[in-house]
Protein backbone atom coordinates (compact mmCIF):
# COMPACT_ATOMS: atom_id res chain seq x y z
CA MET A 1 -25.45 118.19 202.61
CA SER A 2 -27.80 116.46 200.18
CA ARG A 3 -31.39 115.48 200.94
CA ILE A 4 -31.86 111.91 199.83
CA ALA A 5 -34.80 109.52 200.09
CA VAL A 6 -34.37 105.77 199.84
CA ILE A 7 -37.52 103.83 198.96
CA GLY A 8 -37.39 100.11 199.67
CA LEU A 9 -35.24 98.88 202.54
CA GLY A 10 -34.11 95.44 201.47
CA ARG A 11 -30.41 94.63 201.77
CA PHE A 12 -29.50 97.15 199.08
CA GLY A 13 -31.72 99.96 200.35
CA PHE A 14 -30.91 99.44 204.02
CA ASN A 15 -27.13 99.39 203.52
CA LEU A 16 -27.29 102.37 201.18
CA THR A 17 -29.33 104.34 203.74
CA LYS A 18 -26.83 103.56 206.47
CA ALA A 19 -23.82 104.48 204.32
CA LEU A 20 -25.37 107.77 203.16
CA PHE A 21 -26.36 108.73 206.71
CA GLU A 22 -22.88 107.96 208.04
CA ALA A 23 -21.46 110.11 205.25
CA GLY A 24 -23.39 113.08 206.65
CA HIS A 25 -26.37 113.28 204.30
CA GLU A 26 -29.97 113.91 205.30
CA VAL A 27 -31.63 110.58 204.55
CA VAL A 28 -35.32 109.71 204.62
CA ALA A 29 -35.90 105.93 204.60
CA ILE A 30 -39.24 104.59 203.35
CA ASP A 31 -40.68 101.07 203.43
CA GLN A 32 -43.98 99.28 204.11
CA ASP A 33 -42.42 96.86 206.60
CA LYS A 34 -42.82 98.21 210.14
CA GLU A 35 -40.01 96.07 211.55
CA VAL A 36 -37.53 97.22 208.92
CA VAL A 37 -38.52 100.87 209.44
CA GLN A 38 -37.95 100.51 213.19
CA HIS A 39 -34.55 98.97 212.56
CA VAL A 40 -33.37 101.71 210.21
CA LYS A 41 -34.35 104.60 212.49
CA GLU A 42 -30.93 104.94 214.10
CA PHE A 43 -29.28 104.97 210.67
CA SER A 44 -31.43 107.66 209.04
CA THR A 45 -32.66 111.20 209.53
CA GLN A 46 -36.25 110.02 209.30
CA ALA A 47 -37.79 106.56 208.85
CA ILE A 48 -41.30 106.36 207.40
CA MET A 49 -43.62 103.38 207.05
CA ALA A 50 -45.59 104.03 203.86
CA ASN A 51 -46.74 102.62 200.55
CA ALA A 52 -44.56 104.49 198.08
CA ALA A 53 -46.55 103.11 195.14
CA ASP A 54 -49.25 105.66 195.98
CA LYS A 55 -48.69 109.11 194.46
CA ASP A 56 -50.62 110.99 197.16
CA THR A 57 -48.50 109.31 199.82
CA LEU A 58 -45.32 110.45 198.08
CA ILE A 59 -46.62 114.00 197.96
CA SER A 60 -47.55 113.94 201.66
CA ILE A 61 -44.03 112.78 202.51
CA GLY A 62 -42.61 115.74 200.58
CA ILE A 63 -40.69 113.53 198.19
CA GLN A 64 -40.66 116.29 195.56
CA GLU A 65 -38.38 118.34 197.83
CA MET A 66 -35.60 115.75 197.80
CA ASP A 67 -32.39 116.29 195.82
CA THR A 68 -32.16 112.60 194.99
CA VAL A 69 -34.49 109.63 195.40
CA VAL A 70 -33.19 106.07 195.23
CA VAL A 71 -35.75 103.37 194.45
CA GLY A 72 -34.38 100.15 195.90
CA MET A 73 -37.53 98.08 195.55
CA GLY A 74 -37.11 94.61 194.08
CA THR A 75 -40.27 92.68 193.34
CA PRO A 76 -42.93 93.17 192.15
CA LEU A 77 -41.20 95.01 189.31
CA ASP A 78 -44.27 97.05 188.42
CA HIS A 79 -44.06 98.82 191.79
CA SER A 80 -40.60 100.25 191.10
CA VAL A 81 -41.75 101.27 187.62
CA LEU A 82 -44.82 103.02 189.04
CA VAL A 83 -42.82 104.77 191.76
CA THR A 84 -40.24 105.93 189.21
CA LEU A 85 -43.02 107.33 187.01
CA TYR A 86 -44.55 109.22 189.94
CA LEU A 87 -41.17 110.64 190.97
CA LYS A 88 -40.58 112.03 187.48
CA GLU A 89 -44.10 113.49 187.37
CA LEU A 90 -43.46 115.19 190.71
CA GLY A 91 -40.28 116.79 189.37
CA VAL A 92 -37.63 114.95 191.38
CA LYS A 93 -34.32 115.87 189.72
CA GLU A 94 -32.28 112.75 190.38
CA VAL A 95 -34.02 109.37 190.34
CA VAL A 96 -31.73 106.37 190.80
CA VAL A 97 -33.44 103.00 190.47
CA LYS A 98 -32.38 99.44 191.20
CA ALA A 99 -33.11 97.12 188.28
CA VAL A 100 -33.53 93.37 188.51
CA THR A 101 -33.33 92.43 184.83
CA GLU A 102 -32.08 94.10 181.64
CA ASP A 103 -35.66 94.54 180.38
CA HIS A 104 -36.63 96.06 183.70
CA GLY A 105 -33.75 98.49 183.31
CA LYS A 106 -34.86 99.43 179.78
CA ILE A 107 -38.34 100.28 181.03
CA LEU A 108 -36.96 102.38 183.88
CA ARG A 109 -34.75 104.35 181.52
CA ALA A 110 -37.64 104.84 179.09
CA ILE A 111 -39.81 106.47 181.74
CA GLY A 112 -37.05 108.81 182.87
CA ALA A 113 -34.86 107.22 185.54
CA THR A 114 -31.71 109.32 185.82
CA GLU A 115 -29.59 106.27 186.57
CA VAL A 116 -30.31 102.55 186.63
CA VAL A 117 -28.14 100.26 188.75
CA PHE A 118 -27.76 96.50 188.88
CA PRO A 119 -26.26 95.87 192.37
CA GLU A 120 -25.95 92.10 192.09
CA LYS A 121 -24.54 92.23 188.55
CA ASP A 122 -22.12 95.05 189.36
CA MET A 123 -20.83 93.26 192.45
CA ALA A 124 -20.45 90.03 190.51
CA VAL A 125 -18.37 91.79 187.84
CA LYS A 126 -16.23 93.45 190.50
CA LEU A 127 -15.71 90.15 192.33
CA ALA A 128 -14.86 88.34 189.10
CA LYS A 129 -12.21 90.90 188.26
CA SER A 130 -10.81 90.70 191.79
CA ILE A 131 -10.64 86.90 191.79
CA GLY A 132 -9.00 86.84 188.38
CA SER A 133 -6.50 89.56 189.29
CA PRO A 134 -4.73 88.92 192.62
CA ASN A 135 -2.83 92.21 192.70
CA MET A 136 -5.94 94.33 192.05
CA ILE A 137 -7.18 96.02 195.23
CA ASP A 138 -10.23 97.81 193.85
CA PHE A 139 -11.98 98.51 190.57
CA LEU A 140 -14.36 101.12 189.14
CA ALA A 141 -16.03 100.90 185.74
CA LEU A 142 -15.56 104.38 184.28
CA HIS A 143 -17.11 103.93 180.82
CA PRO A 144 -17.71 100.89 178.60
CA GLY A 145 -14.22 99.58 177.87
CA PHE A 146 -12.47 101.87 180.37
CA SER A 147 -11.86 101.48 184.11
CA ILE A 148 -9.98 102.81 187.09
CA MET A 149 -8.13 100.28 189.23
CA GLU A 150 -6.18 100.36 192.45
CA ILE A 151 -3.37 97.81 192.29
CA SER A 152 -0.26 96.80 194.15
CA PRO A 153 2.98 97.48 192.23
CA PRO A 154 3.65 94.93 189.49
CA PRO A 155 6.78 92.78 189.90
CA GLY A 156 9.88 94.55 188.62
CA SER A 157 8.53 98.02 189.31
CA ILE A 158 9.87 98.39 192.87
CA GLY A 159 12.68 100.92 193.05
CA LYS A 160 11.93 102.33 189.60
CA THR A 161 10.51 105.72 188.75
CA LEU A 162 7.29 106.24 186.79
CA LYS A 163 9.45 107.56 183.97
CA ASP A 164 11.40 104.28 183.95
CA LEU A 165 8.20 102.24 183.67
CA GLN A 166 6.79 104.24 180.76
CA LEU A 167 3.28 103.01 181.59
CA ARG A 168 1.54 105.68 179.53
CA ASN A 169 3.68 105.40 176.42
CA ALA A 170 4.30 101.64 176.44
CA GLN A 171 1.12 100.34 178.06
CA GLY A 172 -1.48 103.06 177.49
CA ILE A 173 -1.96 103.39 181.27
CA GLN A 174 -2.32 106.67 183.15
CA VAL A 175 -1.24 106.75 186.80
CA LEU A 176 -3.80 109.01 188.49
CA ALA A 177 -2.44 108.74 192.01
CA ILE A 178 -0.18 106.76 194.31
CA LYS A 179 -1.22 105.90 197.85
CA GLU A 180 1.78 105.74 200.13
CA LEU A 181 1.39 103.70 203.29
CA ILE A 182 4.73 104.70 204.77
CA PRO A 183 4.28 107.59 205.38
CA GLU A 184 0.51 107.60 204.85
CA ARG A 185 -0.33 110.13 202.13
CA LEU A 186 -1.89 110.44 198.68
CA ASN A 187 0.09 111.72 195.71
CA VAL A 188 -2.32 112.92 193.03
CA ILE A 189 -0.80 112.95 189.51
CA PRO A 190 2.63 111.92 190.84
CA PRO A 191 5.73 113.33 189.10
CA ALA A 192 7.74 111.27 186.63
CA ASP A 193 10.62 110.92 189.11
CA PHE A 194 8.43 109.28 191.79
CA VAL A 195 10.15 106.08 192.96
CA ILE A 196 7.78 103.19 193.56
CA LYS A 197 8.00 101.30 196.86
CA ASP A 198 6.61 97.86 197.69
CA SER A 199 4.22 99.48 200.21
CA ASP A 200 2.66 101.79 197.60
CA LEU A 201 -0.71 101.33 195.86
CA LEU A 202 -1.17 102.62 192.32
CA VAL A 203 -4.45 104.14 191.10
CA ILE A 204 -4.41 103.67 187.34
CA MET A 205 -6.80 104.38 184.45
CA GLY A 206 -6.98 102.98 180.95
CA LYS A 207 -8.66 100.61 178.54
CA ASP A 208 -9.79 97.36 180.14
CA GLU A 209 -7.58 95.32 177.81
CA ASP A 210 -4.50 97.36 178.77
CA LEU A 211 -5.34 97.17 182.47
CA ARG A 212 -5.64 93.38 182.23
CA LYS A 213 -2.11 93.22 180.83
CA ILE A 214 -0.74 95.14 183.82
CA VAL A 215 -2.68 93.06 186.32
CA SER A 216 -1.57 89.80 184.67
CA LEU A 217 2.07 90.62 185.43
CA SER A 218 1.48 89.32 188.97
CA HIS A 219 0.48 85.86 187.75
């Protein structure tokens, strides 16, 4: 079980705290707003009302003992920069920070943030891909130009085996897994003779341009 602190309990920080806590992690939630801190108590291991932009306060909380600290503060931007700097000085191993703008993200990376996230931008990209691809169930950016997608079977694939489809050789697509709904089970790296059913979901990986070709088959 990881020890995680979330600093800044806006929509991003609050929902992240709740999700981490429900996943079984030890989560310390920190914010200056008393009402928000009271609200998050039932969804965290410990909820603390404090000014995280003060280094002595961070030390008193024991922030340096955390495995990961997520800085979810929005504005003012200088506060998240200052907190990130303090966390690195205190030796926190993993510092994940929410960025508001590209320049903000560059500054955060420059001072040592382990990972910089753009929640609104990332969700917008995911939604855009979903809207433009009706048979895509989910999407994960793996690396610039590469992604993992969960899709419903393209038309013409029902009743055929993976060998028949030749997705890897003809399309440059790797089938990582197939989720069967009837019966409910997950086939990781399915064999070439696996016969695709209309109730199956395919988890595939490849170049974005190749994935778009597969997804477009449903149009």
